[in-house]
């Protein structure tokens, strides 16, 4: 089944809205495990973007795929940095004996 651009944009906006609402309801205690999970999902998005970019269907799809690779990779790196910073907050700051 081939979807047109308008249908694809509608599905994207609906998924973004539902995702935002779900994340907004998460307890702050679960944010660190949730960040780790989203890092794994973003890694899947990077692989998908690489596969789609490698197909070279059109110039536009190649450009959008390259942008998706950059965006998803920066999201993965930023997520790992934030998760690492959050985990360091749980470590004690006193020197070990």
PDB file of N, CA and C in Angstrom:
ATOM      1  N   UNK A   1       0.850  -1.182   0.000  1.00  0.00           N
ATOM      2  CA  UNK A   1       0.000   0.000   0.000  1.00  0.00           C
ATOM      3  C   UNK A   1       0.891   1.238   0.000  1.00  0.00           C
ATOM      4  N   UNK A   2       0.726   2.078  -0.986  1.00  0.00           N
ATOM      5  CA  UNK A   2       1.544   3.276  -1.093  1.00  0.00           C
ATOM      6  C   UNK A   2       0.760   4.472  -0.542  1.00  0.00           C
ATOM      7  N   UNK A   3       1.379   5.159   0.423  1.00  0.00           N
ATOM      8  CA  UNK A   3       0.728   6.315   1.017  1.00  0.00           C
ATOM      9  C   UNK A   3       1.250   7.586   0.356  1.00  0.00           C
ATOM     10  N   UNK A   4       0.391   8.545   0.212  1.00  0.00           N
ATOM     11  CA  UNK A   4       0.841   9.818  -0.339  1.00  0.00           C
ATOM     12  C   UNK A   4       1.444  10.694   0.756  1.00  0.00           C
ATOM     13  N   UNK A   5       1.999  11.808   0.377  1.00  0.00           N
ATOM     14  CA  UNK A   5       2.716  12.676   1.310  1.00  0.00           C
ATOM     15  C   UNK A   5       1.810  13.213   2.408  1.00  0.00           C
ATOM     16  N   UNK A   6       0.606  13.603   2.062  1.00  0.00           N
ATOM     17  CA  UNK A   6      -0.313  14.164   3.056  1.00  0.00           C
ATOM     18  C   UNK A   6      -0.686  13.133   4.121  1.00  0.00           C
ATOM     19  N   UNK A   7      -0.934  11.912   3.710  1.00  0.00           N
ATOM     20  CA  UNK A   7      -1.243  10.848   4.666  1.00  0.00           C
ATOM     21  C   UNK A   7      -0.042  10.560   5.555  1.00  0.00           C
ATOM     22  N   UNK A   8       1.147  10.542   4.969  1.00  0.00           N
ATOM     23  CA  UNK A   8       2.362  10.299   5.744  1.00  0.00           C
ATOM     24  C   UNK A   8       2.586  11.403   6.771  1.00  0.00           C
ATOM     25  N   UNK A   9       2.371  12.653   6.385  1.00  0.00           N
ATOM     26  CA  UNK A   9       2.515  13.766   7.327  1.00  0.00           C
ATOM     27  C   UNK A   9       1.480  13.682   8.446  1.00  0.00           C
ATOM     28  N   UNK A  10       0.266  13.269   8.108  1.00  0.00           N
ATOM     29  CA  UNK A  10      -0.774  13.110   9.124  1.00  0.00           C
ATOM     30  C   UNK A  10      -0.380  12.036  10.146  1.00  0.00           C
ATOM     31  N   UNK A  11       0.115  10.907   9.664  1.00  0.00           N
ATOM     32  CA  UNK A  11       0.545   9.834  10.562  1.00  0.00           C
ATOM     33  C   UNK A  11       1.708  10.302  11.430  1.00  0.00           C
ATOM     34  N   UNK A  12       2.657  11.040  10.842  1.00  0.00           N
ATOM     35  CA  UNK A  12       3.790  11.558  11.603  1.00  0.00           C
ATOM     36  C   UNK A  12       3.334  12.508  12.701  1.00  0.00           C
ATOM     37  N   UNK A  13       2.446  13.443  12.375  1.00  0.00           N
ATOM     38  CA  UNK A  13       1.976  14.402  13.376  1.00  0.00           C
ATOM     39  C   UNK A  13       1.189  13.700  14.483  1.00  0.00           C
ATOM     40  N   UNK A  14       0.384  12.717  14.123  1.00  0.00           N
ATOM     41  CA  UNK A  14      -0.378  11.972  15.116  1.00  0.00           C
ATOM     42  C   UNK A  14       0.549  11.184  16.042  1.00  0.00           C
ATOM     43  N   UNK A  15       1.572  10.545  15.466  1.00  0.00           N
ATOM     44  CA  UNK A  15       2.533   9.793  16.277  1.00  0.00           C
ATOM     45  C   UNK A  15       3.319  10.724  17.195  1.00  0.00           C
ATOM     46  N   UNK A  16       3.697  11.901  16.693  1.00  0.00           N
ATOM     47  CA  UNK A  16       4.427  12.861  17.522  1.00  0.00           C
ATOM     48  C   UNK A  16       3.555  13.340  18.689  1.00  0.00           C
ATOM     49  N   UNK A  17       2.294  13.632  18.430  1.00  0.00           N
ATOM     50  CA  UNK A  17       1.394  14.094  19.484  1.00  0.00           C
ATOM     51  C   UNK A  17       1.175  13.007  20.538  1.00  0.00           C
ATOM     52  N   UNK A  18       0.923  11.788  20.099  1.00  0.00           N
ATOM     53  CA  UNK A  18       0.704  10.689  21.045  1.00  0.00           C
ATOM     54  C   UNK A  18       1.972  10.416  21.848  1.00  0.00           C
ATOM     55  N   UNK A  19       3.130  10.432  21.175  1.00  0.00           N
ATOM     56  CA  UNK A  19       4.400  10.229  21.871  1.00  0.00           C
ATOM     57  C   UNK A  19       4.643  11.299  22.922  1.00  0.00           C
ATOM     58  N   UNK A  20       4.357  12.559  22.576  1.00  0.00           N
ATOM     59  CA  UNK A  20       4.526  13.658  23.534  1.00  0.00           C
ATOM     60  C   UNK A  20       3.624  13.477  24.746  1.00  0.00           C
ATOM     61  N   UNK A  21       2.384  13.102  24.512  1.00  0.00           N
ATOM     62  CA  UNK A  21       1.446  12.914  25.614  1.00  0.00           C
ATOM     63  C   UNK A  21       1.851  11.745  26.508  1.00  0.00           C
ATOM     64  N   UNK A  22       2.361  10.684  25.913  1.00  0.00           N
ATOM     65  CA  UNK A  22       2.792   9.527  26.710  1.00  0.00           C
ATOM     66  C   UNK A  22       4.001   9.891  27.552  1.00  0.00           C
ATOM     67  N   UNK A  23       4.991  10.561  26.963  1.00  0.00           N
ATOM     68  CA  UNK A  23       6.210  10.933  27.678  1.00  0.00           C
ATOM     69  C   UNK A  23       5.893  11.933  28.794  1.00  0.00           C
ATOM     70  N   UNK A  24       4.959  12.817  28.558  1.00  0.00           N
ATOM     71  CA  UNK A  24       4.617  13.830  29.549  1.00  0.00           C
ATOM     72  C   UNK A  24       4.045  13.207  30.825  1.00  0.00           C
ATOM     73  N   UNK A  25       3.430  12.041  30.707  1.00  0.00           N
ATOM     74  CA  UNK A  25       2.802  11.387  31.857  1.00  0.00           C
ATOM     75  C   UNK A  25       3.774  10.524  32.654  1.00  0.00           C
ATOM     76  N   UNK A  26       5.031  10.392  32.207  1.00  0.00           N
ATOM     77  CA  UNK A  26       6.007   9.531  32.879  1.00  0.00           C
ATOM     78  C   UNK A  26       6.501  10.197  34.164  1.00  0.00           C
ATOM     79  N   UNK A  27       6.633   9.397  35.212  1.00  0.00           N
ATOM     80  CA  UNK A  27       7.153   9.876  36.489  1.00  0.00           C
ATOM     81  C   UNK A  27       8.620  10.280  36.337  1.00  0.00           C
ATOM     82  N   UNK A  28       9.071  11.346  37.031  1.00  0.00           N
ATOM     83  CA  UNK A  28      10.487  11.735  36.947  1.00  0.00           C
ATOM     84  C   UNK A  28      11.453  10.638  37.378  1.00  0.00           C
ATOM     85  N   UNK A  29      11.012   9.705  38.224  1.00  0.00           N
ATOM     86  CA  UNK A  29      11.890   8.614  38.651  1.00  0.00           C
ATOM     87  C   UNK A  29      12.220   7.661  37.509  1.00  0.00           C
ATOM     88  N   UNK A  30      11.402   7.655  36.487  1.00  0.00           N
ATOM     89  CA  UNK A  30      11.616   6.737  35.372  1.00  0.00           C
ATOM     90  C   UNK A  30      12.337   7.385  34.191  1.00  0.00           C
ATOM     91  N   UNK A  31      12.764   8.623  34.320  1.00  0.00           N
ATOM     92  CA  UNK A  31      13.368   9.310  33.185  1.00  0.00           C
ATOM     93  C   UNK A  31      14.693   8.693  32.749  1.00  0.00           C
ATOM     94  N   UNK A  32      15.531   8.247  33.688  1.00  0.00           N
ATOM     95  CA  UNK A  32      16.818   7.658  33.302  1.00  0.00           C
ATOM     96  C   UNK A  32      16.628   6.362  32.528  1.00  0.00           C
ATOM     97  N   UNK A  33      15.811   5.410  33.003  1.00  0.00           N
ATOM     98  CA  UNK A  33      15.591   4.208  32.183  1.00  0.00           C
ATOM     99  C   UNK A  33      14.905   4.531  30.856  1.00  0.00           C
ATOM    100  N   UNK A  34      14.038   5.524  30.869  1.00  0.00           N
ATOM    101  CA  UNK A  34      13.358   5.908  29.638  1.00  0.00           C
ATOM    102  C   UNK A  34      14.348   6.484  28.623  1.00  0.00           C
ATOM    103  N   UNK A  35      15.317   7.272  29.096  1.00  0.00           N
ATOM    104  CA  UNK A  35      16.339   7.812  28.200  1.00  0.00           C
ATOM    105  C   UNK A  35      17.149   6.682  27.581  1.00  0.00           C
ATOM    106  N   UNK A  36      17.479   5.668  28.357  1.00  0.00           N
ATOM    107  CA  UNK A  36      18.233   4.532  27.824  1.00  0.00           C
ATOM    108  C   UNK A  36      17.427   3.812  26.750  1.00  0.00           C
ATOM    109  N   UNK A  37      16.144   3.667  26.969  1.00  0.00           N
ATOM    110  CA  UNK A  37      15.286   3.019  25.982  1.00  0.00           C
ATOM    111  C   UNK A  37      15.194   3.852  24.709  1.00  0.00           C
ATOM    112  N   UNK A  38      15.038   5.150  24.846  1.00  0.00           N
ATOM    113  CA  UNK A  38      14.934   5.990  23.653  1.00  0.00           C
ATOM    114  C   UNK A  38      16.253   6.035  22.891  1.00  0.00           C
ATOM    115  N   UNK A  39      17.376   5.890  23.582  1.00  0.00           N
ATOM    116  CA  UNK A  39      18.659   5.800  22.875  1.00  0.00           C
ATOM    117  C   UNK A  39      18.686   4.561  21.983  1.00  0.00           C
ATOM    118  N   UNK A  40      18.167   3.454  22.484  1.00  0.00           N
ATOM    119  CA  UNK A  40      18.114   2.235  21.676  1.00  0.00           C
ATOM    120  C   UNK A  40      17.183   2.417  20.478  1.00  0.00           C
ATOM    121  N   UNK A  41      16.062   3.079  20.686  1.00  0.00           N
ATOM    122  CA  UNK A  41      15.138   3.324  19.577  1.00  0.00           C
ATOM    123  C   UNK A  41      15.749   4.278  18.551  1.00  0.00           C
ATOM    124  N   UNK A  42      16.485   5.273  19.019  1.00  0.00           N
ATOM    125  CA  UNK A  42      17.140   6.195  18.091  1.00  0.00           C
ATOM    126  C   UNK A  42      18.218   5.485  17.274  1.00  0.00           C
ATOM    127  N   UNK A  43      18.870   4.507  17.876  1.00  0.00           N
ATOM    128  CA  UNK A  43      19.866   3.736  17.121  1.00  0.00           C
ATOM    129  C   UNK A  43      19.193   2.971  15.992  1.00  0.00           C
ATOM    130  N   UNK A  44      17.988   2.475  16.232  1.00  0.00           N
ATOM    131  CA  UNK A  44      17.228   1.808  15.173  1.00  0.00           C
ATOM    132  C   UNK A  44      16.870   2.813  14.081  1.00  0.00           C
ATOM    133  N   UNK A  45      16.535   4.044  14.472  1.00  0.00           N
ATOM    134  CA  UNK A  45      16.223   5.081  13.491  1.00  0.00           C
ATOM    135  C   UNK A  45      17.442   5.413  12.631  1.00  0.00           C
ATOM    136  N   UNK A  46      18.634   5.396  13.229  1.00  0.00           N
ATOM    137  CA  UNK A  46      19.857   5.652  12.459  1.00  0.00           C
ATOM    138  C   UNK A  46      20.045   4.559  11.410  1.00  0.00           C
ATOM    139  N   UNK A  47      19.875   3.315  11.804  1.00  0.00           N
ATOM    140  CA  UNK A  47      20.031   2.201  10.856  1.00  0.00           C
ATOM    141  C   UNK A  47      18.999   2.310   9.735  1.00  0.00           C
ATOM    142  N   UNK A  48      17.769   2.611  10.075  1.00  0.00           N
ATOM    143  CA  UNK A  48      16.727   2.783   9.060  1.00  0.00           C
ATOM    144  C   UNK A  48      17.031   3.917   8.102  1.00  0.00           C
ATOM    145  N   UNK A  49      17.525   5.032   8.638  1.00  0.00           N
ATOM    146  CA  UNK A  49      17.871   6.167   7.783  1.00  0.00           C
ATOM    147  C   UNK A  49      19.032   5.827   6.857  1.00  0.00           C
ATOM    148  N   UNK A  50      19.999   5.072   7.358  1.00  0.00           N
ATOM    149  CA  UNK A  50      21.125   4.662   6.510  1.00  0.00           C
ATOM    150  C   UNK A  50      20.632   3.763   5.377  1.00  0.00           C
ATOM    151  N   UNK A  51      19.742   2.831   5.700  1.00  0.00           N
ATOM    152  CA  UNK A  51      19.210   1.940   4.667  1.00  0.00           C
ATOM    153  C   UNK A  51      18.427   2.711   3.608  1.00  0.00           C
ATOM    154  N   UNK A  52      17.589   3.637   4.033  1.00  0.00           N
ATOM    155  CA  UNK A  52      16.798   4.412   3.079  1.00  0.00           C
ATOM    156  C   UNK A  52      17.671   5.341   2.243  1.00  0.00           C
ATOM    157  N   UNK A  53      18.687   5.917   2.850  1.00  0.00           N
ATOM    158  CA  UNK A  53      19.579   6.805   2.104  1.00  0.00           C
ATOM    159  C   UNK A  53      20.378   6.005   1.075  1.00  0.00           C
ATOM    160  N   UNK A  54      20.753   4.797   1.428  1.00  0.00           N
ATOM    161  CA  UNK A  54      21.548   3.971   0.534  1.00  0.00           C
ATOM    162  C   UNK A  54      20.808   3.501  -0.703  1.00  0.00           C
ATOM    163  N   UNK A  55      19.483   3.584  -0.698  1.00  0.00           N
ATOM    164  CA  UNK A  55      18.714   3.142  -1.859  1.00  0.00           C
ATOM    165  C   UNK A  55      18.812   4.111  -3.036  1.00  0.00           C
ATOM    166  N   UNK A  56      19.082   5.381  -2.803  1.00  0.00           N
ATOM    167  CA  UNK A  56      19.214   6.414  -3.844  1.00  0.00           C
ATOM    168  C   UNK A  56      17.993   6.440  -4.769  1.00  0.00           C
ATOM    169  N   UNK A  57      16.815   6.467  -4.195  1.00  0.00           N
ATOM    170  CA  UNK A  57      15.599   6.511  -5.025  1.00  0.00           C
ATOM    171  C   UNK A  57      15.477   7.841  -5.754  1.00  0.00           C
ATOM    172  N   UNK A  58      15.769   8.925  -5.056  1.00  0.00           N
ATOM    173  CA  UNK A  58      15.750  10.257  -5.681  1.00  0.00           C
ATOM    174  C   UNK A  58      16.706  11.157  -4.915  1.00  0.00           C
ATOM    175  N   UNK A  59      16.973  12.314  -5.479  1.00  0.00           N
ATOM    176  CA  UNK A  59      17.867  13.255  -4.806  1.00  0.00           C
ATOM    177  C   UNK A  59      17.249  13.741  -3.504  1.00  0.00           C
ATOM    178  N   UNK A  60      15.945  13.997  -3.520  1.00  0.00           N
ATOM    179  CA  UNK A  60      15.263  14.473  -2.313  1.00  0.00           C
ATOM    180  C   UNK A  60      15.320  13.423  -1.198  1.00  0.00           C
ATOM    181  N   UNK A  61      15.075  12.162  -1.554  1.00  0.00           N
ATOM    182  CA  UNK A  61      15.111  11.120  -0.519  1.00  0.00           C
ATOM    183  C   UNK A  61      16.524  10.935   0.036  1.00  0.00           C
ATOM    184  N   UNK A  62      17.532  11.115  -0.799  1.00  0.00           N
ATOM    185  CA  UNK A  62      18.913  11.010  -0.322  1.00  0.00           C
ATOM    186  C   UNK A  62      19.242  12.150   0.627  1.00  0.00           C
ATOM    187  N   UNK A  63      18.819  13.352   0.289  1.00  0.00           N
ATOM    188  CA  UNK A  63      19.074  14.522   1.148  1.00  0.00           C
ATOM    189  C   UNK A  63      18.323  14.379   2.474  1.00  0.00           C
ATOM    190  N   UNK A  64      17.050  14.010   2.402  1.00  0.00           N
ATOM    191  CA  UNK A  64      16.274  13.838   3.637  1.00  0.00           C
ATOM    192  C   UNK A  64      16.820  12.690   4.480  1.00  0.00           C
ATOM    193  N   UNK A  65      17.286  11.630   3.825  1.00  0.00           N
ATOM    194  CA  UNK A  65      17.891  10.521   4.552  1.00  0.00           C
ATOM    195  C   UNK A  65      19.161  10.943   5.259  1.00  0.00           C
ATOM    196  N   UNK A  66      19.986  11.753   4.582  1.00  0.00           N
ATOM    197  CA  UNK A  66      21.220  12.245   5.208  1.00  0.00           C
ATOM    198  C   UNK A  66      20.891  13.137   6.407  1.00  0.00           C
ATOM    199  N   UNK A  67      19.881  13.980   6.256  1.00  0.00           N
ATOM    200  CA  UNK A  67      19.453  14.814   7.394  1.00  0.00           C
ATOM    201  C   UNK A  67      18.928  13.947   8.544  1.00  0.00           C
ATOM    202  N   UNK A  68      18.216  12.872   8.203  1.00  0.00           N
ATOM    203  CA  UNK A  68      17.711  11.969   9.238  1.00  0.00           C
ATOM    204  C   UNK A  68      18.858  11.273   9.959  1.00  0.00           C
ATOM    205  N   UNK A  69      19.898  10.906   9.219  1.00  0.00           N
ATOM    206  CA  UNK A  69      21.062  10.274   9.850  1.00  0.00           C
ATOM    207  C   UNK A  69      21.718  11.233  10.827  1.00  0.00           C
ATOM    208  N   UNK A  70      21.915  12.474  10.404  1.00  0.00           N
ATOM    209  CA  UNK A  70      22.553  13.472  11.271  1.00  0.00           C
ATOM    210  C   UNK A  70      21.690  13.740  12.507  1.00  0.00           C
ATOM    211  N   UNK A  71      20.387  13.915  12.305  1.00  0.00           N
ATOM    212  CA  UNK A  71      19.501  14.221  13.428  1.00  0.00           C
ATOM    213  C   UNK A  71      19.423  13.061  14.415  1.00  0.00           C
ATOM    214  N   UNK A  72      19.267  11.850  13.909  1.00  0.00           N
ATOM    215  CA  UNK A  72      19.150  10.690  14.804  1.00  0.00           C
ATOM    216  C   UNK A  72      20.465  10.413  15.516  1.00  0.00           C
ATOM    217  N   UNK A  73      21.588  10.595  14.823  1.00  0.00           N
ATOM    218  CA  UNK A  73      22.890  10.368  15.466  1.00  0.00           C
ATOM    219  C   UNK A  73      23.131  11.390  16.567  1.00  0.00           C
ATOM    220  N   UNK A  74      22.805  12.653  16.298  1.00  0.00           N
ATOM    221  CA  UNK A  74      22.983  13.668  17.342  1.00  0.00           C
ATOM    222  C   UNK A  74      22.049  13.398  18.517  1.00  0.00           C
ATOM    223  N   UNK A  75      20.882  12.844  18.242  1.00  0.00           N
ATOM    224  CA  UNK A  75      19.953  12.494  19.309  1.00  0.00           C
ATOM    225  C   UNK A  75      20.500  11.351  20.150  1.00  0.00           C
ATOM    226  N   UNK A  76      21.118  10.359  19.507  1.00  0.00           N
ATOM    227  CA  UNK A  76      21.706   9.237  20.244  1.00  0.00           C
ATOM    228  C   UNK A  76      22.850   9.731  21.123  1.00  0.00           C
ATOM    229  N   UNK A  77      23.747  10.520  20.552  1.00  0.00           N
ATOM    230  CA  UNK A  77      24.907  11.021  21.314  1.00  0.00           C
ATOM    231  C   UNK A  77      24.443  11.899  22.478  1.00  0.00           C
ATOM    232  N   UNK A  78      23.525  12.806  22.199  1.00  0.00           N
ATOM    233  CA  UNK A  78      23.003  13.663  23.266  1.00  0.00           C
ATOM    234  C   UNK A  78      22.290  12.873  24.340  1.00  0.00           C
ATOM    235  N   UNK A  79      21.555  11.848  23.941  1.00  0.00           N
ATOM    236  CA  UNK A  79      20.861  11.004  24.912  1.00  0.00           C
ATOM    237  C   UNK A  79      21.822  10.268  25.821  1.00  0.00           C
ATOM    238  N   UNK A  80      22.905   9.746  25.237  1.00  0.00           N
ATOM    239  CA  UNK A  80      23.894   9.066  26.064  1.00  0.00           C
ATOM    240  C   UNK A  80      24.586  10.040  27.015  1.00  0.00           C
ATOM    241  N   UNK A  81      24.877  11.249  26.555  1.00  0.00           N
ATOM    242  CA  UNK A  81      25.514  12.235  27.426  1.00  0.00           C
ATOM    243  C   UNK A  81      24.595  12.624  28.579  1.00  0.00           C
ATOM    244  N   UNK A  82      23.323  12.818  28.273  1.00  0.00           N
ATOM    245  CA  UNK A  82      22.367  13.185  29.320  1.00  0.00           C
ATOM    246  C   UNK A  82      22.170  12.037  30.300  1.00  0.00           C
ATOM    247  N   UNK A  83      22.060  10.810  29.783  1.00  0.00           N
ATOM    248  CA  UNK A  83      21.899   9.646  30.657  1.00  0.00           C
ATOM    249  C   UNK A  83      23.112   9.479  31.562  1.00  0.00           C
ATOM    250  N   UNK A  84      24.302   9.661  30.994  1.00  0.00           N
ATOM    251  CA  UNK A  84      25.517   9.553  31.804  1.00  0.00           C
ATOM    252  C   UNK A  84      25.536  10.617  32.903  1.00  0.00           C
ATOM    253  N   UNK A  85      25.133  11.819  32.562  1.00  0.00           N
ATOM    254  CA  UNK A  85      25.094  12.897  33.562  1.00  0.00           C
ATOM    255  C   UNK A  85      24.064  12.593  34.651  1.00  0.00           C
ATOM    256  N   UNK A  86      22.921  12.051  34.252  1.00  0.00           N
ATOM    257  CA  UNK A  86      21.897  11.711  35.247  1.00  0.00           C
ATOM    258  C   UNK A  86      22.377  10.592  36.167  1.00  0.00           C
ATOM    259  N   UNK A  87      23.077   9.601  35.607  1.00  0.00           N
ATOM    260  CA  UNK A  87      23.578   8.505  36.435  1.00  0.00           C
ATOM    261  C   UNK A  87      24.678   8.970  37.375  1.00  0.00           C
ATOM    262  N   UNK A  88      25.484   9.948  36.964  1.00  0.00           N
ATOM    263  CA  UNK A  88      26.531  10.485  37.842  1.00  0.00           C
ATOM    264  C   UNK A  88      25.929  11.206  39.042  1.00  0.00           C
ATOM    265  N   UNK A  89      24.708  11.703  38.910  1.00  0.00           N
ATOM    266  CA  UNK A  89      24.062  12.376  40.029  1.00  0.00           C
ATOM    267  C   UNK A  89      23.747  11.397  41.161  1.00  0.00           C
ATOM    268  N   UNK A  90      23.618  10.111  40.852  1.00  0.00           N
ATOM    269  CA  UNK A  90      23.299   9.120  41.871  1.00  0.00           C
ATOM    270  C   UNK A  90      24.543   8.611  42.591  1.00  0.00           C
ATOM    271  N   UNK A  91      25.720   8.866  42.067  1.00  0.00           N
ATOM    272  CA  UNK A  91      26.949   8.433  42.704  1.00  0.00           C
ATOM    273  C   UNK A  91      27.308   9.389  43.836  1.00  0.00           C
ATOM    274  N   UNK A  92      27.927   8.841  44.882  1.00  0.00           N
ATOM    275  CA  UNK A  92      28.303   9.692  46.000  1.00  0.00           C
ATOM    276  C   UNK A  92      29.537  10.518  45.624  1.00  0.00           C
ATOM    277  N   UNK A  93      29.608  11.711  46.153  1.00  0.00           N
ATOM    278  CA  UNK A  93      30.724  12.594  45.828  1.00  0.00           C
ATOM    279  C   UNK A  93      31.871  12.481  46.829  1.00  0.00           C
ATOM    280  N   UNK A  94      31.700  11.677  47.882  1.00  0.00           N
ATOM    281  CA  UNK A  94      32.754  11.522  48.876  1.00  0.00           C
ATOM    282  C   UNK A  94      33.855  10.597  48.328  1.00  0.00           C
ATOM    283  N   UNK A  95      35.121  10.854  48.701  1.00  0.00           N
ATOM    284  CA  UNK A  95      36.208  10.007  48.213  1.00  0.00           C
ATOM    285  C   UNK A  95      36.127   8.604  48.799  1.00  0.00           C
ATOM    286  N   UNK A  96      36.552   7.614  48.022  1.00  0.00           N
ATOM    287  CA  UNK A  96      36.521   6.227  48.479  1.00  0.00           C
ATOM    288  C   UNK A  96      37.680   5.961  49.436  1.00  0.00           C
ATOM    289  N   UNK A  97      37.448   5.085  50.385  1.00  0.00           N
ATOM    290  CA  UNK A  97      38.484   4.750  51.374  1.00  0.00           C
ATOM    291  C   UNK A  97      39.268   3.549  50.944  1.00  0.00           C
TER     292      UNK A  97
END
